């Protein structure tokens, strides 16, 4: 793997400096906050897609079917909604906000026949988040508050397909995607995120490590083409009480499989609440030669698919993670809100970040 300079050396240095000094706060759930707006089909379409096709596309790409639920599309049709979510999390204490691009890949957008929007969605996602971070930083300066940089995480979601497992129980050898297909769709997304102003890239909610490897390969391709790199964050998902990802790996095996990507951080998010995630975060904190992150759900979903863990309950659990020296970055996933992030930020404030193993070796 080539050693390339940083594409944004000042931002990378600021992020590393902040990580050495304190536990950084990642934002919370985007989907949970979007649901609060109770948006309808017309909201998702906006003016651009109102007539059943993309009015700004040269070939008039069709979208005559329902678009409701395509949250990534709101970056183009209702960007003020997404900006409002980012601002709310930043004001709650988030140091890093994740772009609203979880499903902004051609594989996932194919469900809406909007594959042609992938680059545009990712560029817009990073640009909206970048503008919000810049605005909050400027407001801090104007009000004489201490300097506190905010960072944009360019999100690369897992896609709706898995390269390791057959979707057909009657045909175990069948796959509905491939490494090369995943690599190509990720590369398009990565270019958009970088051009839009992302400070880091995060391959997140990884349930299939082969999907993640395709994303990491695409990231290196883009870095090579640009002659520089951004910090890369990786976050997997332990899917159930088995303590394994969907493709069958323990937290330690998962880390071993992705460590070649020289990540800034490796962590876990989604699927489980903080209490159930703890032992797996502890495993990562023991083996990882990188920073460790955790952004769990607000508990497990109830019978109505909602999350009941309060900000105070979640913050108390994650405070213990920090007191035990497990964390460098912490935030929330499904069911979390700005109230959760504020409580978490207050709970870990002043607690020292986990030290990297290599830092301990150098100190010795």
Protein backbone atom coordinates (compact mmCIF):
# COMPACT_ATOMS: atom_id res chain seq x y z
CA UNK A 1 0.00 0.00 0.00
CA UNK A 2 1.42 3.36 -1.04
CA UNK A 3 2.22 6.06 1.48
CA UNK A 4 0.39 9.12 0.20
CA UNK A 5 0.16 12.63 1.63
CA UNK A 6 -3.04 13.89 3.23
CA UNK A 7 -5.50 15.53 0.85
CA UNK A 8 -6.39 17.90 3.71
CA UNK A 9 -3.28 18.04 5.91
CA UNK A 10 -4.55 20.76 8.25
CA UNK A 11 -7.87 18.97 8.86
CA UNK A 12 -6.17 15.60 9.35
CA UNK A 13 -3.73 17.12 11.84
CA UNK A 14 -6.57 18.82 13.74
CA UNK A 15 -8.50 15.55 13.94
CA UNK A 16 -5.49 13.58 15.19
CA UNK A 17 -4.71 16.28 17.74
CA UNK A 18 -8.28 16.25 19.05
CA UNK A 19 -8.26 12.46 19.31
CA UNK A 20 -5.09 12.52 21.38
CA UNK A 21 -6.60 15.00 23.83
CA UNK A 22 -10.16 13.82 24.44
CA UNK A 23 -12.96 11.44 23.55
CA UNK A 24 -14.66 12.80 20.45
CA UNK A 25 -18.42 12.78 19.96
CA UNK A 26 -20.04 11.37 16.83
CA UNK A 27 -23.61 12.43 16.04
CA UNK A 28 -26.74 10.29 16.40
CA UNK A 29 -29.36 8.76 14.13
CA UNK A 30 -30.34 10.56 10.94
CA UNK A 31 -33.35 8.39 10.12
CA UNK A 32 -34.86 8.80 13.57
CA UNK A 33 -34.77 12.57 13.18
CA UNK A 34 -36.13 12.53 9.62
CA UNK A 35 -39.11 10.46 10.79
CA UNK A 36 -40.08 13.27 13.15
CA UNK A 37 -40.83 15.49 10.13
CA UNK A 38 -43.52 13.06 8.90
CA UNK A 39 -42.60 13.71 5.29
CA UNK A 40 -44.85 12.59 2.46
CA UNK A 41 -44.23 11.61 -1.15
CA UNK A 42 -44.34 15.21 -2.36
CA UNK A 43 -41.64 16.18 0.13
CA UNK A 44 -39.28 13.53 -1.18
CA UNK A 45 -39.96 14.52 -4.78
CA UNK A 46 -39.66 18.26 -4.37
CA UNK A 47 -39.91 20.35 -7.53
CA UNK A 48 -37.18 18.45 -9.34
CA UNK A 49 -38.92 15.06 -9.34
CA UNK A 50 -42.54 16.23 -9.09
CA UNK A 51 -43.56 15.22 -12.62
CA UNK A 52 -42.35 11.64 -12.47
CA UNK A 53 -38.90 12.21 -13.95
CA UNK A 54 -35.66 13.99 -13.09
CA UNK A 55 -36.17 17.44 -14.60
CA UNK A 56 -32.46 18.25 -14.30
CA UNK A 57 -31.17 15.17 -16.07
CA UNK A 58 -30.38 15.40 -19.76
CA UNK A 59 -32.08 12.11 -20.54
CA UNK A 60 -35.09 12.70 -18.31
CA UNK A 61 -34.48 9.67 -16.10
CA UNK A 62 -37.78 8.26 -14.91
CA UNK A 63 -38.92 8.07 -11.30
CA UNK A 64 -42.65 7.59 -11.66
CA UNK A 65 -42.82 5.16 -8.75
CA UNK A 66 -42.82 6.02 -5.04
CA UNK A 67 -39.76 7.83 -3.68
CA UNK A 68 -40.98 8.16 -0.10
CA UNK A 69 -38.43 6.60 2.22
CA UNK A 70 -35.43 7.44 0.06
CA UNK A 71 -33.86 9.59 2.78
CA UNK A 72 -30.72 10.25 0.76
CA UNK A 73 -32.83 11.99 -1.90
CA UNK A 74 -33.79 14.67 0.62
CA UNK A 75 -30.31 16.10 0.06
CA UNK A 76 -31.67 17.34 -3.26
CA UNK A 77 -35.36 17.84 -2.54
CA UNK A 78 -35.32 18.99 1.12
CA UNK A 79 -31.71 19.88 2.03
CA UNK A 80 -32.93 22.17 4.81
CA UNK A 81 -34.29 19.13 6.68
CA UNK A 82 -30.90 17.41 6.58
CA UNK A 83 -29.07 20.60 7.52
CA UNK A 84 -31.40 21.03 10.49
CA UNK A 85 -30.51 17.56 11.76
CA UNK A 86 -26.78 18.23 11.41
CA UNK A 87 -27.07 21.55 13.26
CA UNK A 88 -29.08 19.98 16.07
CA UNK A 89 -26.39 17.36 16.65
CA UNK A 90 -23.57 19.89 16.43
CA UNK A 91 -25.30 22.10 18.98
CA UNK A 92 -25.76 19.04 21.20
CA UNK A 93 -22.00 18.58 21.31
CA UNK A 94 -21.06 16.46 18.30
CA UNK A 95 -17.51 16.86 17.03
CA UNK A 96 -18.19 14.81 13.92
CA UNK A 97 -21.33 14.56 11.81
CA UNK A 98 -22.06 11.77 9.35
CA UNK A 99 -23.26 12.57 5.86
CA UNK A 100 -26.79 11.53 4.92
CA UNK A 101 -25.43 9.10 2.31
CA UNK A 102 -26.01 5.70 3.91
CA UNK A 103 -27.85 4.43 0.82
CA UNK A 104 -26.22 6.67 -1.78
CA UNK A 105 -24.80 3.84 -3.87
CA UNK A 106 -26.04 2.62 -7.23
CA UNK A 107 -26.98 -0.76 -5.70
CA UNK A 108 -29.24 0.84 -3.10
CA UNK A 109 -30.54 3.63 -5.34
CA UNK A 110 -31.53 1.03 -7.94
CA UNK A 111 -34.58 0.37 -5.76
CA UNK A 112 -35.79 3.82 -6.85
CA UNK A 113 -34.27 3.78 -10.37
CA UNK A 114 -32.06 6.72 -9.37
CA UNK A 115 -28.63 5.20 -9.93
CA UNK A 116 -27.62 8.23 -11.99
CA UNK A 117 -27.73 10.40 -8.85
CA UNK A 118 -25.02 8.58 -6.85
CA UNK A 119 -22.16 11.04 -7.38
CA UNK A 120 -24.47 14.03 -6.96
CA UNK A 121 -26.03 12.66 -3.76
CA UNK A 122 -22.66 12.02 -2.15
CA UNK A 123 -21.25 15.39 -3.15
CA UNK A 124 -24.38 17.11 -1.83
CA UNK A 125 -24.29 15.07 1.38
CA UNK A 126 -20.75 16.17 2.15
CA UNK A 127 -21.40 19.76 1.09
CA UNK A 128 -24.47 20.13 3.35
CA UNK A 129 -22.61 18.66 6.32
CA UNK A 130 -19.55 20.81 5.57
CA UNK A 131 -21.63 23.99 5.48
CA UNK A 132 -23.21 23.12 8.84
CA UNK A 133 -19.84 22.43 10.48
CA UNK A 134 -18.41 25.66 9.11
CA UNK A 135 -21.43 27.64 10.32
CA UNK A 136 -21.19 26.29 13.87
CA UNK A 137 -17.44 26.91 14.00
CA UNK A 138 -17.99 30.49 12.80
CA UNK A 139 -20.70 31.01 15.40
CA UNK A 140 -18.32 29.83 18.11
CA UNK A 141 -15.69 32.32 16.99
CA UNK A 142 -18.22 35.15 16.82
CA UNK A 143 -19.36 34.43 20.39
CA UNK A 144 -15.84 34.11 21.76
CA UNK A 145 -16.14 30.42 22.55
CA UNK A 146 -13.07 28.16 22.61
CA UNK A 147 -11.96 26.94 19.19
CA UNK A 148 -13.50 23.54 18.49
CA UNK A 149 -13.17 22.10 14.98
CA UNK A 150 -16.04 20.03 13.64
CA UNK A 151 -15.48 17.28 11.11
CA UNK A 152 -17.49 15.74 8.28
CA UNK A 153 -17.59 11.94 8.09
CA UNK A 154 -18.33 10.81 4.55
CA UNK A 155 -20.54 7.74 5.07
CA UNK A 156 -20.32 4.62 2.90
CA UNK A 157 -23.14 2.28 3.90
CA UNK A 158 -23.15 -1.50 3.48
CA UNK A 159 -25.58 -1.54 0.51
CA UNK A 160 -28.66 -3.75 0.47
CA UNK A 161 -26.74 -6.79 -0.80
CA UNK A 162 -24.12 -9.16 0.57
CA UNK A 163 -21.21 -10.59 -1.39
CA UNK A 164 -20.61 -13.48 1.03
CA UNK A 165 -24.08 -14.97 1.51
CA UNK A 166 -26.71 -16.22 -0.89
CA UNK A 167 -30.12 -14.53 -0.68
CA UNK A 168 -31.67 -17.82 -1.83
CA UNK A 169 -31.72 -20.57 0.80
CA UNK A 170 -32.26 -23.09 -1.99
CA UNK A 171 -29.11 -22.01 -3.84
CA UNK A 172 -26.23 -21.44 -1.40
CA UNK A 173 -23.79 -20.66 -4.20
CA UNK A 174 -25.85 -17.82 -5.67
CA UNK A 175 -24.80 -14.18 -5.16
CA UNK A 176 -26.78 -11.08 -6.17
CA UNK A 177 -23.69 -8.87 -6.23
CA UNK A 178 -19.95 -9.20 -6.68
CA UNK A 179 -16.76 -7.66 -5.34
CA UNK A 180 -16.24 -5.74 -8.59
CA UNK A 181 -19.80 -4.43 -8.66
CA UNK A 182 -19.46 -3.21 -5.09
CA UNK A 183 -16.05 -1.69 -5.78
CA UNK A 184 -17.41 0.29 -8.74
CA UNK A 185 -20.43 1.69 -6.88
CA UNK A 186 -18.31 2.62 -3.88
CA UNK A 187 -15.76 4.39 -6.02
CA UNK A 188 -18.42 6.66 -7.51
CA UNK A 189 -19.69 7.50 -4.03
CA UNK A 190 -16.20 8.16 -2.67
CA UNK A 191 -15.43 10.66 -5.40
CA UNK A 192 -18.61 12.56 -4.55
CA UNK A 193 -17.88 12.61 -0.82
CA UNK A 194 -14.35 13.93 -1.32
CA UNK A 195 -15.44 16.57 -3.84
CA UNK A 196 -18.20 17.68 -1.48
CA UNK A 197 -15.80 18.37 1.39
CA UNK A 198 -15.64 15.26 3.62
CA UNK A 199 -12.79 15.24 6.15
CA UNK A 200 -12.86 11.47 6.65
CA UNK A 201 -14.49 8.44 5.07
CA UNK A 202 -16.35 5.86 7.15
CA UNK A 203 -17.26 2.38 5.93
CA UNK A 204 -20.02 1.68 8.43
CA UNK A 205 -22.68 -0.76 9.60
CA UNK A 206 -20.63 -3.57 8.10
CA UNK A 207 -22.47 -6.87 8.27
CA UNK A 208 -20.40 -8.53 5.52
CA UNK A 209 -16.64 -8.04 5.64
CA UNK A 210 -16.32 -8.79 1.92
CA UNK A 211 -18.51 -5.77 1.18
CA UNK A 212 -16.24 -3.71 3.42
CA UNK A 213 -13.15 -4.98 1.64
CA UNK A 214 -14.64 -3.85 -1.68
CA UNK A 215 -15.19 -0.40 -0.18
CA UNK A 216 -11.64 -0.26 1.19
CA UNK A 217 -10.25 -1.34 -2.17
CA UNK A 218 -12.25 1.40 -3.90
CA UNK A 219 -11.01 3.94 -1.36
CA UNK A 220 -7.40 3.08 -2.14
CA UNK A 221 -8.11 3.31 -5.87
CA UNK A 222 -9.50 6.82 -5.41
CA UNK A 223 -6.62 7.86 -3.17
CA UNK A 224 -4.10 6.59 -5.71
CA UNK A 225 -5.86 8.46 -8.52
CA UNK A 226 -5.89 11.69 -6.51
CA UNK A 227 -2.39 11.32 -5.13
CA UNK A 228 -3.52 11.80 -1.54
CA UNK A 229 -5.67 10.29 1.17
CA UNK A 230 -8.19 11.09 3.89
CA UNK A 231 -8.40 9.35 7.27
CA UNK A 232 -10.52 6.19 7.00
CA UNK A 233 -12.89 4.99 9.71
CA UNK A 234 -14.39 1.49 9.82
CA UNK A 235 -17.41 0.40 11.86
CA UNK A 236 -18.86 -3.10 11.89
CA UNK A 237 -22.11 -4.53 13.17
CA UNK A 238 -22.53 -7.42 15.60
CA UNK A 239 -25.92 -8.65 14.51
CA UNK A 240 -27.15 -10.65 17.52
CA UNK A 241 -26.28 -12.42 20.76
CA UNK A 242 -23.91 -14.74 18.90
CA UNK A 243 -21.35 -11.94 19.00
CA UNK A 244 -20.67 -12.19 15.28
CA UNK A 245 -21.28 -10.19 12.14
CA UNK A 246 -23.82 -11.53 9.65
CA UNK A 247 -20.97 -13.06 7.65
CA UNK A 248 -19.82 -14.93 10.76
CA UNK A 249 -16.87 -13.02 12.22
CA UNK A 250 -16.18 -12.16 15.83
CA UNK A 251 -15.04 -8.62 16.64
CA UNK A 252 -11.40 -9.73 16.72
CA UNK A 253 -11.64 -11.55 13.40
CA UNK A 254 -13.39 -8.55 11.88
CA UNK A 255 -10.57 -6.24 12.99
CA UNK A 256 -7.93 -8.59 11.63
CA UNK A 257 -9.73 -8.65 8.27
CA UNK A 258 -9.82 -4.87 7.83
CA UNK A 259 -6.65 -3.72 9.60
CA UNK A 260 -4.79 -3.70 6.27
CA UNK A 261 -6.75 -0.56 5.39
CA UNK A 262 -4.69 1.37 7.99
CA UNK A 263 -7.85 2.84 9.54
CA UNK A 264 -7.88 5.88 11.76
CA UNK A 265 -10.48 4.06 13.84
CA UNK A 266 -12.26 0.74 14.04
CA UNK A 267 -15.50 0.35 15.92
CA UNK A 268 -18.99 -1.06 16.15
CA UNK A 269 -22.41 0.45 15.57
CA UNK A 270 -26.08 -0.47 15.17
CA UNK A 271 -27.98 -3.74 15.84
CA UNK A 272 -27.33 -3.77 19.60
CA UNK A 273 -27.67 -1.34 22.47
CA UNK A 274 -24.66 -0.18 24.45
CA UNK A 275 -24.95 -2.83 27.20
CA UNK A 276 -24.96 -5.71 24.72
CA UNK A 277 -22.17 -4.14 22.68
CA UNK A 278 -19.76 -3.63 25.55
CA UNK A 279 -17.88 -6.94 25.49
CA UNK A 280 -17.25 -6.58 21.76
CA UNK A 281 -16.00 -3.01 22.07
CA UNK A 282 -13.70 -4.23 24.84
CA UNK A 283 -12.33 -6.87 22.48
CA UNK A 284 -11.58 -4.23 19.86
CA UNK A 285 -9.96 -1.96 22.43
CA UNK A 286 -7.63 -4.82 23.33
CA UNK A 287 -6.54 -5.81 19.81
CA UNK A 288 -6.84 -2.65 17.71
CA UNK A 289 -3.75 -0.65 16.79
CA UNK A 290 -6.06 2.24 15.93
CA UNK A 291 -8.59 4.45 17.68
CA UNK A 292 -11.79 2.69 18.78
CA UNK A 293 -15.32 3.97 18.21
CA UNK A 294 -18.78 2.93 19.36
CA UNK A 295 -22.13 4.32 18.32
CA UNK A 296 -24.77 1.83 19.49
CA UNK A 297 -28.53 1.94 19.22
CA UNK A 298 -30.71 3.35 21.98
CA UNK A 299 -31.29 -0.17 23.26
CA UNK A 300 -33.14 -2.86 21.34
CA UNK A 301 -36.33 -2.11 19.38
CA UNK A 302 -39.64 -2.73 21.09
CA UNK A 303 -42.68 -4.44 19.57
CA UNK A 304 -43.41 -1.32 17.52
CA UNK A 305 -39.86 -1.00 16.17
CA UNK A 306 -39.12 1.96 18.43
CA UNK A 307 -36.23 2.48 20.83
CA UNK A 308 -36.91 3.11 24.50
CA UNK A 309 -33.52 3.69 26.10
CA UNK A 310 -33.43 7.20 27.51
CA UNK A 311 -30.53 9.62 27.04
CA UNK A 312 -29.66 9.25 30.73
CA UNK A 313 -29.61 5.44 30.59
CA UNK A 314 -27.52 5.32 27.46
CA UNK A 315 -25.10 7.97 28.68
CA UNK A 316 -24.55 6.14 31.98
CA UNK A 317 -23.64 2.93 30.16
CA UNK A 318 -21.27 4.66 27.75
CA UNK A 319 -19.66 6.61 30.58
CA UNK A 320 -18.59 3.27 32.04
CA UNK A 321 -17.06 2.37 28.65
CA UNK A 322 -15.01 5.55 28.85
CA UNK A 323 -14.05 5.07 32.49
CA UNK A 324 -12.77 1.61 31.55
CA UNK A 325 -10.52 3.07 28.87
CA UNK A 326 -12.34 1.58 25.89
CA UNK A 327 -13.23 4.64 23.83
CA UNK A 328 -11.78 7.26 21.51
CA UNK A 329 -15.00 8.16 19.69
CA UNK A 330 -18.57 7.66 20.84
CA UNK A 331 -22.02 8.51 19.52
CA UNK A 332 -25.37 6.97 18.72
CA UNK A 333 -27.11 4.96 16.03
CA UNK A 334 -30.77 3.94 15.61
CA UNK A 335 -33.19 5.60 18.01
CA UNK A 336 -30.76 8.23 19.25
CA UNK A 337 -31.49 11.95 19.16
CA UNK A 338 -29.69 15.21 19.98
CA UNK A 339 -30.78 14.68 23.59
CA UNK A 340 -28.92 11.35 23.63
CA UNK A 341 -25.81 12.92 22.12
CA UNK A 342 -25.84 15.80 24.59
CA UNK A 343 -26.14 13.39 27.51
CA UNK A 344 -23.32 11.22 26.16
CA UNK A 345 -21.09 14.24 25.54
CA UNK A 346 -21.65 15.47 29.09
CA UNK A 347 -21.07 12.00 30.54
CA UNK A 348 -17.65 11.48 28.94
CA UNK A 349 -16.45 15.08 29.20
CA UNK A 350 -13.13 15.21 31.01
CA UNK A 351 -12.57 11.45 30.87
CA UNK A 352 -9.31 10.47 29.14
CA UNK A 353 -9.43 8.78 25.75
CA UNK A 354 -8.20 5.25 25.26
CA UNK A 355 -4.48 5.21 24.57
CA UNK A 356 -3.25 3.51 21.42
CA UNK A 357 -1.06 0.46 22.04
CA UNK A 358 1.76 1.92 19.96
CA UNK A 359 1.59 5.16 21.99
CA UNK A 360 2.06 3.13 25.15
CA UNK A 361 5.02 1.31 23.62
CA UNK A 362 6.65 4.59 22.60
CA UNK A 363 6.06 6.07 26.06
CA UNK A 364 7.73 3.06 27.64
